[in-house]
C-alpha atoms as a PDB file:
ATOM      1  CA  MET A   1     -21.466  62.694  31.406  1.00  0.00           C
ATOM      2  CA  LEU A   2     -25.240  63.661  30.965  1.00  0.00           C
ATOM      3  CA  SER A   3     -24.400  66.638  33.111  1.00  0.00           C
ATOM      4  CA  ILE A   4     -22.327  68.377  30.185  1.00  0.00           C
ATOM      5  CA  LEU A   5     -25.074  68.112  27.641  1.00  0.00           C
ATOM      6  CA  PRO A   6     -27.213  71.233  26.942  1.00  0.00           C
ATOM      7  CA  THR A   7     -30.622  71.196  28.544  1.00  0.00           C
ATOM      8  CA  ASP A   8     -32.213  71.251  25.064  1.00  0.00           C
ATOM      9  CA  ILE A   9     -30.309  68.534  23.047  1.00  0.00           C
ATOM     10  CA  TYR A  10     -31.918  69.544  19.984  1.00  0.00           C
ATOM     11  CA  SER A  11     -31.113  73.154  20.090  1.00  0.00           C
ATOM     12  CA  GLY A  12     -29.172  74.821  17.400  1.00  0.00           C
ATOM     13  CA  LYS A  13     -25.980  74.861  19.428  1.00  0.00           C
ATOM     14  CA  VAL A  14     -25.812  71.114  18.838  1.00  0.00           C
ATOM     15  CA  LYS A  15     -24.391  69.551  15.775  1.00  0.00           C
ATOM     16  CA  ILE A  16     -23.772  66.040  14.682  1.00  0.00           C
ATOM     17  CA  GLY A  17     -20.487  65.371  12.786  1.00  0.00           C
ATOM     18  CA  ILE A  18     -20.001  62.170  10.998  1.00  0.00           C
ATOM     19  CA  GLY A  19     -16.636  61.395   9.211  1.00  0.00           C
ATOM     20  CA  LEU A  20     -16.019  58.715   6.607  1.00  0.00           C
ATOM     21  CA  ASP A  21     -12.339  57.880   5.870  1.00  0.00           C
ATOM     22  CA  PRO A  22     -12.106  55.830   2.732  1.00  0.00           C
ATOM     23  CA  ASP A  23      -9.526  52.890   2.573  1.00  0.00           C
ATOM     24  CA  THR A  24      -9.240  49.920   0.078  1.00  0.00           C
ATOM     25  CA  ILE A  25      -8.819  47.725   2.998  1.00  0.00           C
ATOM     26  CA  HIS A  26     -10.575  49.176   6.074  1.00  0.00           C
ATOM     27  CA  SER A  27     -12.719  52.389   5.798  1.00  0.00           C
ATOM     28  CA  GLY A  28     -13.270  54.198   9.042  1.00  0.00           C
ATOM     29  CA  PHE A  29     -16.324  55.810  10.364  1.00  0.00           C
ATOM     30  CA  ALA A  30     -16.983  58.077  13.415  1.00  0.00           C
ATOM     31  CA  ALA A  31     -19.834  59.988  14.743  1.00  0.00           C
ATOM     32  CA  VAL A  32     -19.675  62.911  17.217  1.00  0.00           C
ATOM     33  CA  LEU A  33     -22.116  65.248  19.155  1.00  0.00           C
ATOM     34  CA  ALA A  34     -20.547  68.669  19.167  1.00  0.00           C
ATOM     35  CA  PHE A  35     -21.473  71.710  21.298  1.00  0.00           C
ATOM     36  CA  GLU A  36     -19.593  74.594  22.901  1.00  0.00           C
ATOM     37  CA  GLY A  37     -16.181  73.169  21.743  1.00  0.00           C
ATOM     38  CA  LYS A  38     -16.740  69.709  23.178  1.00  0.00           C
ATOM     39  CA  TYR A  39     -17.140  66.485  21.308  1.00  0.00           C
ATOM     40  CA  ILE A  40     -18.920  63.412  22.398  1.00  0.00           C
ATOM     41  CA  PRO A  41     -18.250  60.167  20.362  1.00  0.00           C
ATOM     42  CA  PHE A  42     -21.434  57.996  19.985  1.00  0.00           C
ATOM     43  CA  ALA A  43     -20.451  55.683  17.053  1.00  0.00           C
ATOM     44  CA  TRP A  44     -17.412  54.642  15.546  1.00  0.00           C
ATOM     45  CA  GLY A  45     -15.868  51.460  13.644  1.00  0.00           C
ATOM     46  CA  ILE A  46     -14.676  49.878  10.350  1.00  0.00           C
ATOM     47  CA  LEU A  47     -16.647  49.729   7.224  1.00  0.00           C
ATOM     48  CA  GLY A  48     -16.151  47.177   4.300  1.00  0.00           C
ATOM     49  CA  GLU A  49     -13.813  44.403   3.491  1.00  0.00           C
ATOM     50  CA  SER A  50     -10.429  43.773   2.030  1.00  0.00           C
ATOM     51  CA  ILE A  51      -9.691  43.738  -1.625  1.00  0.00           C
ATOM     52  CA  THR A  52      -9.094  40.027  -2.490  1.00  0.00           C
ATOM     53  CA  ASP A  53      -9.039  38.833  -6.216  1.00  0.00           C
ATOM     54  CA  SER A  54     -10.624  41.836  -7.621  1.00  0.00           C
ATOM     55  CA  LYS A  55      -9.457  45.184  -8.646  1.00  0.00           C
ATOM     56  CA  ILE A  56     -12.391  46.942  -7.850  1.00  0.00           C
ATOM     57  CA  PRO A  57     -13.146  47.771  -4.053  1.00  0.00           C
ATOM     58  CA  ILE A  58     -15.461  45.697  -2.351  1.00  0.00           C
ATOM     59  CA  VAL A  59     -18.199  48.062  -1.267  1.00  0.00           C
ATOM     60  CA  ASN A  60     -21.472  46.271  -0.854  1.00  0.00           C
ATOM     61  CA  SER A  61     -20.841  45.948   3.080  1.00  0.00           C
ATOM     62  CA  VAL A  62     -19.970  49.772   3.067  1.00  0.00           C
ATOM     63  CA  HIS A  63     -23.250  50.403   1.507  1.00  0.00           C
ATOM     64  CA  ARG A  64     -25.183  48.303   4.052  1.00  0.00           C
ATOM     65  CA  GLN A  65     -23.497  49.782   7.099  1.00  0.00           C
ATOM     66  CA  VAL A  66     -23.601  53.444   5.944  1.00  0.00           C
ATOM     67  CA  ILE A  67     -27.426  53.098   4.864  1.00  0.00           C
ATOM     68  CA  THR A  68     -28.248  51.693   8.392  1.00  0.00           C
ATOM     69  CA  LEU A  69     -26.333  54.344  10.455  1.00  0.00           C
ATOM     70  CA  MET A  70     -27.865  57.135   8.036  1.00  0.00           C
ATOM     71  CA  GLN A  71     -31.393  55.432   8.462  1.00  0.00           C
ATOM     72  CA  ALA A  72     -30.959  55.666  12.112  1.00  0.00           C
ATOM     73  CA  LEU A  73     -29.863  59.123  12.176  1.00  0.00           C
ATOM     74  CA  SER A  74     -32.812  60.149   9.669  1.00  0.00           C
ATOM     75  CA  THR A  75     -35.702  58.944  11.814  1.00  0.00           C
ATOM     76  CA  THR A  76     -37.787  61.587  13.378  1.00  0.00           C
ATOM     77  CA  GLU A  77     -38.287  59.568  16.518  1.00  0.00           C
ATOM     78  CA  SER A  78     -34.643  59.366  17.152  1.00  0.00           C
ATOM     79  CA  TYR A  79     -33.678  62.832  16.233  1.00  0.00           C
ATOM     80  CA  PRO A  80     -36.789  65.334  16.382  1.00  0.00           C
ATOM     81  CA  GLY A  81     -35.701  68.720  15.213  1.00  0.00           C
ATOM     82  CA  SER A  82     -31.984  68.038  14.613  1.00  0.00           C
ATOM     83  CA  ARG A  83     -31.904  67.145  11.033  1.00  0.00           C
ATOM     84  CA  GLN A  84     -30.477  70.529   9.747  1.00  0.00           C
ATOM     85  CA  HIS A  85     -27.563  70.020  12.256  1.00  0.00           C
ATOM     86  CA  ILE A  86     -26.113  66.757  10.724  1.00  0.00           C
ATOM     87  CA  ASN A  87     -22.841  67.459   8.831  1.00  0.00           C
ATOM     88  CA  ILE A  88     -21.221  64.522   7.013  1.00  0.00           C
ATOM     89  CA  ALA A  89     -17.441  64.608   5.648  1.00  0.00           C
ATOM     90  CA  VAL A  90     -16.012  62.053   3.368  1.00  0.00           C
ATOM     91  CA  GLU A  91     -12.278  62.571   2.504  1.00  0.00           C
ATOM     92  CA  SER A  92     -11.427  63.270  -1.141  1.00  0.00           C
ATOM     93  CA  GLN A  93      -8.064  62.287  -2.690  1.00  0.00           C
ATOM     94  CA  GLU A  94      -5.381  64.786  -3.886  1.00  0.00           C
ATOM     95  CA  VAL A  95      -2.305  64.089  -6.239  1.00  0.00           C
ATOM     96  CA  TYR A  96       0.626  65.737  -4.960  1.00  0.00           C
ATOM     97  CA  ALA A  97       3.196  67.339  -7.123  1.00  0.00           C
ATOM     98  CA  GLY A  98       6.927  66.700  -6.928  1.00  0.00           C
ATOM     99  CA  GLY A  99       6.818  62.982  -6.622  1.00  0.00           C
ATOM    100  CA  LEU A 100       5.097  62.993  -3.368  1.00  0.00           C
ATOM    101  CA  THR A 101       2.346  60.750  -4.961  1.00  0.00           C
ATOM    102  CA  ARG A 102       4.417  57.659  -6.138  1.00  0.00           C
ATOM    103  CA  ASN A 103       1.815  56.613  -8.487  1.00  0.00           C
ATOM    104  CA  PRO A 104      -1.291  58.406  -9.242  1.00  0.00           C
ATOM    105  CA  ARG A 105      -2.967  55.214 -10.395  1.00  0.00           C
ATOM    106  CA  ASP A 106      -2.837  54.168  -6.861  1.00  0.00           C
ATOM    107  CA  LEU A 107      -5.570  56.425  -5.876  1.00  0.00           C
ATOM    108  CA  LEU A 108      -8.006  55.254  -8.442  1.00  0.00           C
ATOM    109  CA  PRO A 109      -9.383  52.316  -6.128  1.00  0.00           C
ATOM    110  CA  LEU A 110      -9.440  54.569  -3.061  1.00  0.00           C
ATOM    111  CA  ALA A 111     -11.443  57.313  -5.075  1.00  0.00           C
ATOM    112  CA  GLN A 112     -13.935  54.487  -6.004  1.00  0.00           C
ATOM    113  CA  VAL A 113     -14.445  53.926  -2.183  1.00  0.00           C
ATOM    114  CA  ALA A 114     -14.666  57.423  -1.762  1.00  0.00           C
ATOM    115  CA  GLY A 115     -17.305  57.954  -4.478  1.00  0.00           C
ATOM    116  CA  ALA A 116     -19.157  55.032  -3.005  1.00  0.00           C
ATOM    117  CA  LEU A 117     -19.226  56.372   0.492  1.00  0.00           C
ATOM    118  CA  LEU A 118     -20.199  59.934  -0.896  1.00  0.00           C
ATOM    119  CA  GLY A 119     -22.933  58.355  -3.072  1.00  0.00           C
ATOM    120  CA  VAL A 120     -24.702  56.330  -0.482  1.00  0.00           C
ATOM    121  CA  SER A 121     -24.733  58.892   1.959  1.00  0.00           C
ATOM    122  CA  MET A 122     -26.126  61.348  -0.401  1.00  0.00           C
ATOM    123  CA  GLN A 123     -29.326  59.525  -0.298  1.00  0.00           C
ATOM    124  CA  TYR A 124     -30.131  61.374   2.836  1.00  0.00           C
ATOM    125  CA  ARG A 125     -29.385  64.902   1.597  1.00  0.00           C
ATOM    126  CA  HIS A 126     -32.697  66.110   2.582  1.00  0.00           C
ATOM    127  CA  PHE A 127     -31.488  66.171   6.376  1.00  0.00           C
ATOM    128  CA  ALA A 128     -27.785  66.578   6.189  1.00  0.00           C
ATOM    129  CA  THR A 129     -24.969  68.763   4.696  1.00  0.00           C
ATOM    130  CA  PHE A 130     -21.959  67.172   2.836  1.00  0.00           C
ATOM    131  CA  LYS A 131     -18.361  67.932   2.729  1.00  0.00           C
ATOM    132  CA  PHE A 132     -15.824  66.267   0.522  1.00  0.00           C
ATOM    133  CA  PRO A 133     -12.456  67.714   1.588  1.00  0.00           C
ATOM    134  CA  LYS A 134      -8.907  67.011   0.454  1.00  0.00           C
ATOM    135  CA  PRO A 135      -6.700  65.753   3.323  1.00  0.00           C
ATOM    136  CA  ALA A 136      -4.870  69.142   3.805  1.00  0.00           C
ATOM    137  CA  GLU A 137      -8.346  70.999   4.089  1.00  0.00           C
ATOM    138  CA  TRP A 138      -9.289  69.226   7.277  1.00  0.00           C
ATOM    139  CA  LYS A 139      -5.984  68.018   8.905  1.00  0.00           C
ATOM    140  CA  GLY A 140      -3.384  70.498   7.371  1.00  0.00           C
ATOM    141  CA  GLN A 141       0.147  69.233   6.690  1.00  0.00           C
ATOM    142  CA  VAL A 142       1.060  67.679  10.218  1.00  0.00           C
ATOM    143  CA  PRO A 143       2.439  64.218  10.449  1.00  0.00           C
ATOM    144  CA  LYS A 144      -0.255  61.617  11.313  1.00  0.00           C
ATOM    145  CA  ASN A 145       0.824  60.943  14.883  1.00  0.00           C
ATOM    146  CA  ILE A 146       0.659  64.493  15.822  1.00  0.00           C
ATOM    147  CA  HIS A 147      -2.696  65.026  14.199  1.00  0.00           C
ATOM    148  CA  HIS A 148      -3.952  61.936  16.018  1.00  0.00           C
ATOM    149  CA  ASN A 149      -2.816  63.276  19.360  1.00  0.00           C
ATOM    150  CA  ARG A 150      -4.708  66.545  18.403  1.00  0.00           C
ATOM    151  CA  ILE A 151      -7.825  64.609  17.790  1.00  0.00           C
ATOM    152  CA  ALA A 152      -7.539  62.454  21.087  1.00  0.00           C
ATOM    153  CA  SER A 153      -7.033  65.708  22.890  1.00  0.00           C
ATOM    154  CA  LYS A 154     -10.377  66.895  21.623  1.00  0.00           C
ATOM    155  CA  LEU A 155     -12.029  63.755  22.480  1.00  0.00           C
ATOM    156  CA  ASP A 156     -10.523  63.769  25.827  1.00  0.00           C
ATOM    157  CA  ILE A 157      -9.180  60.303  25.415  1.00  0.00           C
ATOM    158  CA  PRO A 158      -5.372  59.032  26.119  1.00  0.00           C
ATOM    159  CA  ILE A 159      -3.819  57.440  23.173  1.00  0.00           C
ATOM    160  CA  GLU A 160      -0.398  55.488  22.706  1.00  0.00           C
ATOM    161  CA  ALA A 161       1.803  55.094  19.877  1.00  0.00           C
ATOM    162  CA  LYS A 162       2.585  51.834  18.586  1.00  0.00           C
ATOM    163  CA  LYS A 163       5.289  50.926  15.941  1.00  0.00           C
ATOM    164  CA  THR A 164       3.352  51.866  12.935  1.00  0.00           C
ATOM    165  CA  TYR A 165       0.013  53.436  14.232  1.00  0.00           C
ATOM    166  CA  THR A 166      -1.569  55.220  16.972  1.00  0.00           C
ATOM    167  CA  LYS A 167      -4.471  53.781  19.164  1.00  0.00           C
ATOM    168  CA  PRO A 168      -6.375  54.749  22.292  1.00  0.00           C
ATOM    169  CA  THR A 169      -4.846  53.350  25.555  1.00  0.00           C
ATOM    170  CA  GLU A 170      -7.242  50.774  27.341  1.00  0.00           C
ATOM    171  CA  GLU A 171      -8.303  53.643  29.632  1.00  0.00           C
ATOM    172  CA  GLY A 172      -8.972  55.602  26.347  1.00  0.00           C
ATOM    173  CA  GLU A 173     -11.136  52.957  24.902  1.00  0.00           C
ATOM    174  CA  ARG A 174     -12.981  52.535  28.245  1.00  0.00           C
ATOM    175  CA  ARG A 175     -13.507  56.452  28.123  1.00  0.00           C
ATOM    176  CA  LEU A 176     -14.868  56.244  24.618  1.00  0.00           C
ATOM    177  CA  GLU A 177     -17.333  53.580  25.530  1.00  0.00           C
ATOM    178  CA  ALA A 178     -18.398  55.480  28.851  1.00  0.00           C
ATOM    179  CA  MET A 179     -19.131  58.688  27.070  1.00  0.00           C
ATOM    180  CA  ALA A 180     -21.278  56.841  24.235  1.00  0.00           C
ATOM    181  CA  MET A 181     -23.256  54.909  26.785  1.00  0.00           C
ATOM    182  CA  SER A 182     -23.921  57.732  28.763  1.00  0.00           C
ATOM    183  CA  LEU A 183     -26.098  59.493  26.358  1.00  0.00           C
ATOM    184  CA  PRO A 184     -29.835  59.446  26.368  1.00  0.00           C
ATOM    185  CA  ALA A 185     -31.276  56.082  24.817  1.00  0.00           C
ATOM    186  CA  ASN A 186     -32.513  57.854  21.656  1.00  0.00           C
ATOM    187  CA  LEU A 187     -29.304  59.397  20.944  1.00  0.00           C
ATOM    188  CA  ASN A 188     -27.226  56.338  21.769  1.00  0.00           C
ATOM    189  CA  LEU A 189     -26.020  54.632  18.592  1.00  0.00           C
ATOM    190  CA  ARG A 190     -23.182  52.637  20.053  1.00  0.00           C
ATOM    191  CA  LYS A 191     -24.867  49.426  18.565  1.00  0.00           C
ATOM    192  CA  PHE A 192     -23.695  50.560  15.125  1.00  0.00           C
ATOM    193  CA  SER A 193     -20.054  50.643  15.880  1.00  0.00           C
ATOM    194  CA  THR A 194     -17.817  47.445  15.276  1.00  0.00           C
ATOM    195  CA  GLN A 195     -14.896  46.230  17.136  1.00  0.00           C
ATOM    196  CA  VAL A 196     -11.791  48.173  16.001  1.00  0.00           C
ATOM    197  CA  LYS A 197      -8.410  46.132  16.080  1.00  0.00           C
ATOM    198  CA  GLY A 198      -4.960  47.359  16.174  1.00  0.00           C
ATOM    199  CA  PRO A 199      -3.908  49.320  13.138  1.00  0.00           C
ATOM    200  CA  GLN A 200      -7.632  49.947  12.225  1.00  0.00           C
ATOM    201  CA  TRP A 201      -7.505  52.527  14.896  1.00  0.00           C
ATOM    202  CA  SER A 202      -5.726  54.770  12.084  1.00  0.00           C
ATOM    203  CA  GLU A 203      -8.673  54.990  10.011  1.00  0.00           C
ATOM    204  CA  VAL A 204     -11.145  55.373  13.009  1.00  0.00           C
ATOM    205  CA  LEU A 205      -8.880  58.364  14.317  1.00  0.00           C
ATOM    206  CA  ASP A 206      -8.999  59.845  10.953  1.00  0.00           C
ATOM    207  CA  ALA A 207     -12.832  59.261  10.971  1.00  0.00           C
ATOM    208  CA  PHE A 208     -13.103  61.101  14.267  1.00  0.00           C
ATOM    209  CA  GLY A 209     -11.137  63.735  12.820  1.00  0.00           C
ATOM    210  CA  LEU A 210     -13.338  64.266   9.939  1.00  0.00           C
ATOM    211  CA  ALA A 211     -16.327  64.256  12.188  1.00  0.00           C
ATOM    212  CA  ILE A 212     -15.006  66.836  14.406  1.00  0.00           C
ATOM    213  CA  TRP A 213     -14.163  69.057  11.568  1.00  0.00           C
ATOM    214  CA  ALA A 214     -17.365  68.641   9.778  1.00  0.00           C
ATOM    215  CA  ALA A 215     -19.265  69.636  13.082  1.00  0.00           C
ATOM    216  CA  SER A 216     -16.894  72.802  13.790  1.00  0.00           C
END
């Protein structure tokens, strides 16, 4: 995989895209290196915890994990010369007319999570640019399964459709790992990733889509 990287990994041709997909149960995150229409995943996983007896989303662990990742990205030792090329996208929310949003109040907890993700990330605005797109802005109006297939195609991984979600096949997961581990040591942030299980892949694939969109 190293052979497909530019000779100067820190050139202006290379961008880092980070996608944060807020959810009140499991928020997904993903990070990619983007250059010449190719996207190499180097970190992904799930942030946060489930809402239990509280109406307010639990965001402490989200804060910790995002801060850890952002601190790693911000270190000169790890990313010399590339700070201006880091692009972060956190999905915003949209109230749809015509009854498509069943209850706008349901969006309030989700908006709290999105605000927490954006707020903690903004601490690092000195080296990154931020985008807060509504769903239609970054993925259009296509059904989720079709969009996930498009994301997988850009990552060059096979995926499979389950009853209620889409996920990488076993070969797809191995390919993700291989691409991440093939990067130079100072660009390998796979250690910040978390294990993704079953339906959680829905949020992670969306986060990959956001990361790709941010870096495009």
